[in-house]
Amino acid sequence: MKMFKYAATALVLSTLSFTAMATVHSVTSAQAQSLQQTGMVSATGASTLDSLEAKLAAKAEAAGATAYSITSANMDGKMSGTAVIYQ
């Protein structure tokens, strides 16, 4: 019974570890050339460039992307921007 508990615990921890490593990341345009473009995402209402990047990264991850490249950032009151997403 103890062996089963240890095995189950190891399985859960390894799954959590893999999930944490599977996050989306920003790439340069040179790095993006070797990736498959799968779409675009946009975000509005950010107050800083960091928060805009975080919003775009979250949307890219929600769309199933493995990487993204920010293509525009605008400030008209609040910040908005777009990013190309890649697989």
PDB file of N, CA and C in Angstrom:
ATOM      1  N   MET A   1       0.830  -1.198   0.000  1.00  0.00           N
ATOM      2  CA  MET A   1       0.000   0.000   0.000  1.00  0.00           C
ATOM      3  C   MET A   1       0.874   1.261   0.000  1.00  0.00           C
ATOM      4  N   LYS A   2       1.989   1.207   0.784  1.00  0.00           N
ATOM      5  CA  LYS A   2       2.874   2.365   0.799  1.00  0.00           C
ATOM      6  C   LYS A   2       3.494   2.591  -0.572  1.00  0.00           C
ATOM      7  N   MET A   3       3.833   1.505  -1.250  1.00  0.00           N
ATOM      8  CA  MET A   3       4.445   1.618  -2.569  1.00  0.00           C
ATOM      9  C   MET A   3       3.478   2.299  -3.533  1.00  0.00           C
ATOM     10  N   PHE A   4       2.187   1.992  -3.453  1.00  0.00           N
ATOM     11  CA  PHE A   4       1.176   2.616  -4.303  1.00  0.00           C
ATOM     12  C   PHE A   4       1.100   4.114  -4.019  1.00  0.00           C
ATOM     13  N   LYS A   5       1.134   4.502  -2.736  1.00  0.00           N
ATOM     14  CA  LYS A   5       1.081   5.927  -2.379  1.00  0.00           C
ATOM     15  C   LYS A   5       2.286   6.669  -2.935  1.00  0.00           C
ATOM     16  N   TYR A   6       3.470   6.049  -2.832  1.00  0.00           N
ATOM     17  CA  TYR A   6       4.678   6.695  -3.346  1.00  0.00           C
ATOM     18  C   TYR A   6       4.628   6.833  -4.869  1.00  0.00           C
ATOM     19  N   ALA A   7       4.143   5.806  -5.522  1.00  0.00           N
ATOM     20  CA  ALA A   7       4.041   5.843  -6.985  1.00  0.00           C
ATOM     21  C   ALA A   7       3.033   6.898  -7.424  1.00  0.00           C
ATOM     22  N   ALA A   8       1.906   6.978  -6.753  1.00  0.00           N
ATOM     23  CA  ALA A   8       0.886   7.978  -7.095  1.00  0.00           C
ATOM     24  C   ALA A   8       1.417   9.386  -6.858  1.00  0.00           C
ATOM     25  N   THR A   9       2.125   9.580  -5.760  1.00  0.00           N
ATOM     26  CA  THR A   9       2.700  10.890  -5.450  1.00  0.00           C
ATOM     27  C   THR A   9       3.728  11.282  -6.510  1.00  0.00           C
ATOM     28  N   ALA A  10       4.572  10.342  -6.906  1.00  0.00           N
ATOM     29  CA  ALA A  10       5.579  10.618  -7.931  1.00  0.00           C
ATOM     30  C   ALA A  10       4.922  10.989  -9.259  1.00  0.00           C
ATOM     31  N   LEU A  11       3.849  10.291  -9.601  1.00  0.00           N
ATOM     32  CA  LEU A  11       3.141  10.583 -10.845  1.00  0.00           C
ATOM     33  C   LEU A  11       2.547  11.993 -10.826  1.00  0.00           C
ATOM     34  N   VAL A  12       1.922  12.366  -9.733  1.00  0.00           N
ATOM     35  CA  VAL A  12       1.324  13.703  -9.611  1.00  0.00           C
ATOM     36  C   VAL A  12       2.403  14.774  -9.681  1.00  0.00           C
ATOM     37  N   LEU A  13       3.497  14.582  -8.971  1.00  0.00           N
ATOM     38  CA  LEU A  13       4.572  15.583  -8.973  1.00  0.00           C
ATOM     39  C   LEU A  13       5.221  15.714 -10.343  1.00  0.00           C
ATOM     40  N   SER A  14       5.399  14.626 -11.046  1.00  0.00           N
ATOM     41  CA  SER A  14       6.001  14.714 -12.377  1.00  0.00           C
ATOM     42  C   SER A  14       5.057  15.403 -13.352  1.00  0.00           C
ATOM     43  N   THR A  15       3.764  15.187 -13.218  1.00  0.00           N
ATOM     44  CA  THR A  15       2.784  15.864 -14.071  1.00  0.00           C
ATOM     45  C   THR A  15       2.795  17.363 -13.800  1.00  0.00           C
ATOM     46  N   LEU A  16       2.833  17.752 -12.542  1.00  0.00           N
ATOM     47  CA  LEU A  16       2.882  19.171 -12.196  1.00  0.00           C
ATOM     48  C   LEU A  16       4.160  19.807 -12.715  1.00  0.00           C
ATOM     49  N   SER A  17       5.262  19.108 -12.612  1.00  0.00           N
ATOM     50  CA  SER A  17       6.537  19.610 -13.086  1.00  0.00           C
ATOM     51  C   SER A  17       6.500  19.828 -14.592  1.00  0.00           C
ATOM     52  N   PHE A  18       5.946  18.876 -15.349  1.00  0.00           N
ATOM     53  CA  PHE A  18       5.851  19.007 -16.794  1.00  0.00           C
ATOM     54  C   PHE A  18       4.951  20.178 -17.165  1.00  0.00           C
ATOM     55  N   THR A  19       3.841  20.351 -16.479  1.00  0.00           N
ATOM     56  CA  THR A  19       2.915  21.445 -16.760  1.00  0.00           C
ATOM     57  C   THR A  19       3.586  22.784 -16.537  1.00  0.00           C
ATOM     58  N   ALA A  20       4.377  22.897 -15.491  1.00  0.00           N
ATOM     59  CA  ALA A  20       5.070  24.154 -15.211  1.00  0.00           C
ATOM     60  C   ALA A  20       6.092  24.473 -16.303  1.00  0.00           C
ATOM     61  N   MET A  21       6.687  23.447 -16.904  1.00  0.00           N
ATOM     62  CA  MET A  21       7.695  23.668 -17.933  1.00  0.00           C
ATOM     63  C   MET A  21       7.061  23.946 -19.289  1.00  0.00           C
ATOM     64  N   ALA A  22       5.805  23.671 -19.475  1.00  0.00           N
ATOM     65  CA  ALA A  22       5.154  23.793 -20.769  1.00  0.00           C
ATOM     66  C   ALA A  22       4.537  25.165 -20.990  1.00  0.00           C
ATOM     67  N   THR A  23       5.125  26.203 -20.441  1.00  0.00           N
ATOM     68  CA  THR A  23       4.561  27.535 -20.599  1.00  0.00           C
ATOM     69  C   THR A  23       5.003  28.160 -21.919  1.00  0.00           C
ATOM     70  N   VAL A  24       4.264  29.126 -22.350  1.00  0.00           N
ATOM     71  CA  VAL A  24       4.546  29.847 -23.584  1.00  0.00           C
ATOM     72  C   VAL A  24       5.702  30.822 -23.339  1.00  0.00           C
ATOM     73  N   HIS A  25       6.490  31.119 -24.376  1.00  0.00           N
ATOM     74  CA  HIS A  25       7.603  32.050 -24.218  1.00  0.00           C
ATOM     75  C   HIS A  25       7.693  32.983 -25.425  1.00  0.00           C
ATOM     76  N   SER A  26       8.298  34.127 -25.204  1.00  0.00           N
ATOM     77  CA  SER A  26       8.478  35.126 -26.245  1.00  0.00           C
ATOM     78  C   SER A  26       9.669  34.740 -27.125  1.00  0.00           C
ATOM     79  N   VAL A  27       9.546  34.987 -28.425  1.00  0.00           N
ATOM     80  CA  VAL A  27      10.635  34.707 -29.354  1.00  0.00           C
ATOM     81  C   VAL A  27      10.918  35.936 -30.209  1.00  0.00           C
ATOM     82  N   THR A  28      12.137  36.025 -30.720  1.00  0.00           N
ATOM     83  CA  THR A  28      12.490  37.098 -31.646  1.00  0.00           C
ATOM     84  C   THR A  28      11.998  36.729 -33.041  1.00  0.00           C
ATOM     85  N   SER A  29      12.024  37.700 -33.942  1.00  0.00           N
ATOM     86  CA  SER A  29      11.571  37.410 -35.307  1.00  0.00           C
ATOM     87  C   SER A  29      12.493  36.390 -35.977  1.00  0.00           C
ATOM     88  N   ALA A  30      13.773  36.393 -35.661  1.00  0.00           N
ATOM     89  CA  ALA A  30      14.696  35.403 -36.231  1.00  0.00           C
ATOM     90  C   ALA A  30      14.367  33.999 -35.719  1.00  0.00           C
ATOM     91  N   GLN A  31      14.057  33.877 -34.425  1.00  0.00           N
ATOM     92  CA  GLN A  31      13.690  32.580 -33.859  1.00  0.00           C
ATOM     93  C   GLN A  31      12.349  32.100 -34.420  1.00  0.00           C
ATOM     94  N   ALA A  32      11.449  33.027 -34.687  1.00  0.00           N
ATOM     95  CA  ALA A  32      10.105  32.672 -35.159  1.00  0.00           C
ATOM     96  C   ALA A  32      10.114  32.070 -36.559  1.00  0.00           C
ATOM     97  N   GLN A  33      11.161  32.318 -37.334  1.00  0.00           N
ATOM     98  CA  GLN A  33      11.216  31.806 -38.708  1.00  0.00           C
ATOM     99  C   GLN A  33      11.187  30.286 -38.769  1.00  0.00           C
ATOM    100  N   SER A  34      11.622  29.625 -37.707  1.00  0.00           N
ATOM    101  CA  SER A  34      11.621  28.158 -37.712  1.00  0.00           C
ATOM    102  C   SER A  34      10.365  27.570 -37.077  1.00  0.00           C
ATOM    103  N   LEU A  35       9.409  28.432 -36.710  1.00  0.00           N
ATOM    104  CA  LEU A  35       8.178  27.974 -36.060  1.00  0.00           C
ATOM    105  C   LEU A  35       6.987  28.103 -37.004  1.00  0.00           C
ATOM    106  N   GLN A  36       5.921  27.376 -36.700  1.00  0.00           N
ATOM    107  CA  GLN A  36       4.690  27.410 -37.484  1.00  0.00           C
ATOM    108  C   GLN A  36       3.743  28.459 -36.896  1.00  0.00           C
ATOM    109  N   GLN A  37       3.439  29.518 -37.666  1.00  0.00           N
ATOM    110  CA  GLN A  37       2.499  30.544 -37.203  1.00  0.00           C
ATOM    111  C   GLN A  37       1.103  29.955 -37.175  1.00  0.00           C
ATOM    112  N   THR A  38       0.393  30.149 -36.038  1.00  0.00           N
ATOM    113  CA  THR A  38      -0.947  29.578 -35.904  1.00  0.00           C
ATOM    114  C   THR A  38      -2.038  30.626 -35.725  1.00  0.00           C
ATOM    115  N   GLY A  39      -1.679  31.895 -35.613  1.00  0.00           N
ATOM    116  CA  GLY A  39      -2.690  32.926 -35.462  1.00  0.00           C
ATOM    117  C   GLY A  39      -2.154  34.169 -34.808  1.00  0.00           C
ATOM    118  N   MET A  40      -3.083  34.973 -34.297  1.00  0.00           N
ATOM    119  CA  MET A  40      -2.730  36.215 -33.610  1.00  0.00           C
ATOM    120  C   MET A  40      -3.598  36.363 -32.379  1.00  0.00           C
ATOM    121  N   VAL A  41      -3.095  37.120 -31.397  1.00  0.00           N
ATOM    122  CA  VAL A  41      -3.867  37.475 -30.219  1.00  0.00           C
ATOM    123  C   VAL A  41      -3.716  38.977 -30.000  1.00  0.00           C
ATOM    124  N   SER A  42      -4.671  39.555 -29.299  1.00  0.00           N
ATOM    125  CA  SER A  42      -4.596  40.977 -28.962  1.00  0.00           C
ATOM    126  C   SER A  42      -5.033  41.165 -27.522  1.00  0.00           C
ATOM    127  N   ALA A  43      -4.574  42.261 -26.944  1.00  0.00           N
ATOM    128  CA  ALA A  43      -4.927  42.585 -25.564  1.00  0.00           C
ATOM    129  C   ALA A  43      -5.078  44.093 -25.432  1.00  0.00           C
ATOM    130  N   THR A  44      -5.962  44.515 -24.550  1.00  0.00           N
ATOM    131  CA  THR A  44      -6.185  45.935 -24.299  1.00  0.00           C
ATOM    132  C   THR A  44      -6.281  46.166 -22.796  1.00  0.00           C
ATOM    133  N   GLY A  45      -6.177  47.432 -22.416  1.00  0.00           N
ATOM    134  CA  GLY A  45      -6.393  47.801 -21.018  1.00  0.00           C
ATOM    135  C   GLY A  45      -5.199  47.638 -20.116  1.00  0.00           C
ATOM    136  N   ALA A  46      -4.000  47.470 -20.651  1.00  0.00           N
ATOM    137  CA  ALA A  46      -2.807  47.328 -19.812  1.00  0.00           C
ATOM    138  C   ALA A  46      -2.314  48.707 -19.395  1.00  0.00           C
ATOM    139  N   SER A  47      -1.690  48.777 -18.237  1.00  0.00           N
ATOM    140  CA  SER A  47      -1.178  50.061 -17.757  1.00  0.00           C
ATOM    141  C   SER A  47       0.327  50.214 -17.965  1.00  0.00           C
ATOM    142  N   THR A  48       1.043  49.101 -18.186  1.00  0.00           N
ATOM    143  CA  THR A  48       2.485  49.135 -18.437  1.00  0.00           C
ATOM    144  C   THR A  48       2.826  48.145 -19.552  1.00  0.00           C
ATOM    145  N   LEU A  49       4.042  48.266 -20.087  1.00  0.00           N
ATOM    146  CA  LEU A  49       4.485  47.307 -21.101  1.00  0.00           C
ATOM    147  C   LEU A  49       4.565  45.900 -20.532  1.00  0.00           C
ATOM    148  N   ASP A  50       5.010  45.788 -19.274  1.00  0.00           N
ATOM    149  CA  ASP A  50       5.085  44.467 -18.642  1.00  0.00           C
ATOM    150  C   ASP A  50       3.708  43.826 -18.519  1.00  0.00           C
ATOM    151  N   SER A  51       2.708  44.609 -18.122  1.00  0.00           N
ATOM    152  CA  SER A  51       1.368  44.033 -17.985  1.00  0.00           C
ATOM    153  C   SER A  51       0.765  43.710 -19.349  1.00  0.00           C
ATOM    154  N   LEU A  52       1.108  44.499 -20.371  1.00  0.00           N
ATOM    155  CA  LEU A  52       0.648  44.186 -21.729  1.00  0.00           C
ATOM    156  C   LEU A  52       1.264  42.871 -22.194  1.00  0.00           C
ATOM    157  N   GLU A  53       2.564  42.698 -21.966  1.00  0.00           N
ATOM    158  CA  GLU A  53       3.219  41.449 -22.358  1.00  0.00           C
ATOM    159  C   GLU A  53       2.626  40.264 -21.605  1.00  0.00           C
ATOM    160  N   ALA A  54       2.327  40.445 -20.329  1.00  0.00           N
ATOM    161  CA  ALA A  54       1.724  39.365 -19.542  1.00  0.00           C
ATOM    162  C   ALA A  54       0.349  38.988 -20.089  1.00  0.00           C
ATOM    163  N   LYS A  55      -0.440  39.989 -20.468  1.00  0.00           N
ATOM    164  CA  LYS A  55      -1.768  39.708 -21.037  1.00  0.00           C
ATOM    165  C   LYS A  55      -1.655  38.967 -22.365  1.00  0.00           C
ATOM    166  N   LEU A  56      -0.723  39.394 -23.210  1.00  0.00           N
ATOM    167  CA  LEU A  56      -0.536  38.727 -24.494  1.00  0.00           C
ATOM    168  C   LEU A  56      -0.038  37.300 -24.302  1.00  0.00           C
ATOM    169  N   ALA A  57       0.873  37.097 -23.360  1.00  0.00           N
ATOM    170  CA  ALA A  57       1.382  35.754 -23.085  1.00  0.00           C
ATOM    171  C   ALA A  57       0.269  34.845 -22.578  1.00  0.00           C
ATOM    172  N   ALA A  58      -0.585  35.367 -21.711  1.00  0.00           N
ATOM    173  CA  ALA A  58      -1.695  34.568 -21.181  1.00  0.00           C
ATOM    174  C   ALA A  58      -2.667  34.173 -22.304  1.00  0.00           C
ATOM    175  N   LYS A  59      -2.954  35.105 -23.202  1.00  0.00           N
ATOM    176  CA  LYS A  59      -3.849  34.785 -24.316  1.00  0.00           C
ATOM    177  C   LYS A  59      -3.208  33.784 -25.276  1.00  0.00           C
ATOM    178  N   ALA A  60      -1.907  33.915 -25.505  1.00  0.00           N
ATOM    179  CA  ALA A  60      -1.205  32.968 -26.370  1.00  0.00           C
ATOM    180  C   ALA A  60      -1.239  31.569 -25.764  1.00  0.00           C
ATOM    181  N   GLU A  61      -1.000  31.483 -24.466  1.00  0.00           N
ATOM    182  CA  GLU A  61      -1.034  30.187 -23.784  1.00  0.00           C
ATOM    183  C   GLU A  61      -2.439  29.588 -23.828  1.00  0.00           C
ATOM    184  N   ALA A  62      -3.452  30.429 -23.625  1.00  0.00           N
ATOM    185  CA  ALA A  62      -4.838  29.942 -23.676  1.00  0.00           C
ATOM    186  C   ALA A  62      -5.201  29.434 -25.070  1.00  0.00           C
ATOM    187  N   ALA A  63      -4.560  29.989 -26.091  1.00  0.00           N
ATOM    188  CA  ALA A  63      -4.823  29.558 -27.463  1.00  0.00           C
ATOM    189  C   ALA A  63      -4.014  28.317 -27.835  1.00  0.00           C
ATOM    190  N   GLY A  64      -3.203  27.821 -26.916  1.00  0.00           N
ATOM    191  CA  GLY A  64      -2.441  26.603 -27.165  1.00  0.00           C
ATOM    192  C   GLY A  64      -1.091  26.828 -27.827  1.00  0.00           C
ATOM    193  N   ALA A  65      -0.641  28.071 -27.866  1.00  0.00           N
ATOM    194  CA  ALA A  65       0.648  28.377 -28.489  1.00  0.00           C
ATOM    195  C   ALA A  65       1.805  27.953 -27.593  1.00  0.00           C
ATOM    196  N   THR A  66       2.937  27.700 -28.219  1.00  0.00           N
ATOM    197  CA  THR A  66       4.158  27.417 -27.465  1.00  0.00           C
ATOM    198  C   THR A  66       5.060  28.638 -27.422  1.00  0.00           C
ATOM    199  N   ALA A  67       4.813  29.599 -28.330  1.00  0.00           N
ATOM    200  CA  ALA A  67       5.624  30.813 -28.384  1.00  0.00           C
ATOM    201  C   ALA A  67       4.790  31.948 -28.974  1.00  0.00           C
ATOM    202  N   TYR A  68       5.260  33.180 -28.762  1.00  0.00           N
ATOM    203  CA  TYR A  68       4.587  34.352 -29.321  1.00  0.00           C
ATOM    204  C   TYR A  68       5.626  35.427 -29.606  1.00  0.00           C
ATOM    205  N   SER A  69       5.279  36.336 -30.501  1.00  0.00           N
ATOM    206  CA  SER A  69       6.137  37.466 -30.832  1.00  0.00           C
ATOM    207  C   SER A  69       5.258  38.711 -30.906  1.00  0.00           C
ATOM    208  N   ILE A  70       5.540  39.696 -30.076  1.00  0.00           N
ATOM    209  CA  ILE A  70       4.732  40.920 -30.047  1.00  0.00           C
ATOM    210  C   ILE A  70       4.994  41.710 -31.327  1.00  0.00           C
ATOM    211  N   THR A  71       3.914  42.083 -31.996  1.00  0.00           N
ATOM    212  CA  THR A  71       4.036  42.802 -33.266  1.00  0.00           C
ATOM    213  C   THR A  71       3.651  44.271 -33.166  1.00  0.00           C
ATOM    214  N   SER A  72       2.876  44.635 -32.146  1.00  0.00           N
ATOM    215  CA  SER A  72       2.532  46.049 -31.980  1.00  0.00           C
ATOM    216  C   SER A  72       2.170  46.334 -30.531  1.00  0.00           C
ATOM    217  N   ALA A  73       2.407  47.586 -30.149  1.00  0.00           N
ATOM    218  CA  ALA A  73       2.002  48.078 -28.833  1.00  0.00           C
ATOM    219  C   ALA A  73       1.622  49.544 -29.020  1.00  0.00           C
ATOM    220  N   ASN A  74       0.425  49.891 -28.567  1.00  0.00           N
ATOM    221  CA  ASN A  74      -0.090  51.249 -28.737  1.00  0.00           C
ATOM    222  C   ASN A  74      -0.543  51.796 -27.393  1.00  0.00           C
ATOM    223  N   MET A  75      -0.453  53.129 -27.250  1.00  0.00           N
ATOM    224  CA  MET A  75      -0.939  53.736 -26.018  1.00  0.00           C
ATOM    225  C   MET A  75      -1.879  54.874 -26.378  1.00  0.00           C
ATOM    226  N   ASP A  76      -3.140  54.651 -26.082  1.00  0.00           N
ATOM    227  CA  ASP A  76      -4.160  55.669 -26.261  1.00  0.00           C
ATOM    228  C   ASP A  76      -5.003  55.621 -25.002  1.00  0.00           C
ATOM    229  N   GLY A  77      -4.495  56.228 -23.938  1.00  0.00           N
ATOM    230  CA  GLY A  77      -5.104  56.074 -22.618  1.00  0.00           C
ATOM    231  C   GLY A  77      -4.515  54.845 -21.956  1.00  0.00           C
ATOM    232  N   LYS A  78      -5.059  53.684 -22.238  1.00  0.00           N
ATOM    233  CA  LYS A  78      -4.516  52.413 -21.770  1.00  0.00           C
ATOM    234  C   LYS A  78      -3.767  51.754 -22.924  1.00  0.00           C
ATOM    235  N   MET A  79      -2.847  50.869 -22.611  1.00  0.00           N
ATOM    236  CA  MET A  79      -2.050  50.214 -23.638  1.00  0.00           C
ATOM    237  C   MET A  79      -2.818  49.065 -24.283  1.00  0.00           C
ATOM    238  N   SER A  80      -2.516  48.851 -25.554  1.00  0.00           N
ATOM    239  CA  SER A  80      -3.063  47.687 -26.277  1.00  0.00           C
ATOM    240  C   SER A  80      -1.969  47.176 -27.191  1.00  0.00           C
ATOM    241  N   GLY A  81      -2.120  45.938 -27.628  1.00  0.00           N
ATOM    242  CA  GLY A  81      -1.108  45.376 -28.507  1.00  0.00           C
ATOM    243  C   GLY A  81      -1.554  44.077 -29.125  1.00  0.00           C
ATOM    244  N   THR A  82      -0.722  43.598 -30.053  1.00  0.00           N
ATOM    245  CA  THR A  82      -0.994  42.338 -30.730  1.00  0.00           C
ATOM    246  C   THR A  82       0.269  41.490 -30.744  1.00  0.00           C
ATOM    247  N   ALA A  83       0.069  40.196 -30.916  1.00  0.00           N
ATOM    248  CA  ALA A  83       1.194  39.271 -31.016  1.00  0.00           C
ATOM    249  C   ALA A  83       0.830  38.134 -31.955  1.00  0.00           C
ATOM    250  N   VAL A  84       1.812  37.668 -32.714  1.00  0.00           N
ATOM    251  CA  VAL A  84       1.662  36.468 -33.538  1.00  0.00           C
ATOM    252  C   VAL A  84       1.962  35.283 -32.633  1.00  0.00           C
ATOM    253  N   ILE A  85       1.169  34.217 -32.750  1.00  0.00           N
ATOM    254  CA  ILE A  85       1.414  33.035 -31.936  1.00  0.00           C
ATOM    255  C   ILE A  85       1.907  31.886 -32.822  1.00  0.00           C
ATOM    256  N   TYR A  86       2.726  31.028 -32.206  1.00  0.00           N
ATOM    257  CA  TYR A  86       3.394  29.947 -32.939  1.00  0.00           C
ATOM    258  C   TYR A  86       3.221  28.613 -32.230  1.00  0.00           C
ATOM    259  N   GLN A  87       3.337  27.564 -33.004  1.00  0.00           N
ATOM    260  CA  GLN A  87       3.344  26.185 -32.509  1.00  0.00           C
ATOM    261  C   GLN A  87       4.714  25.619 -32.695  1.00  0.00           C
TER     262      GLN A  87
END
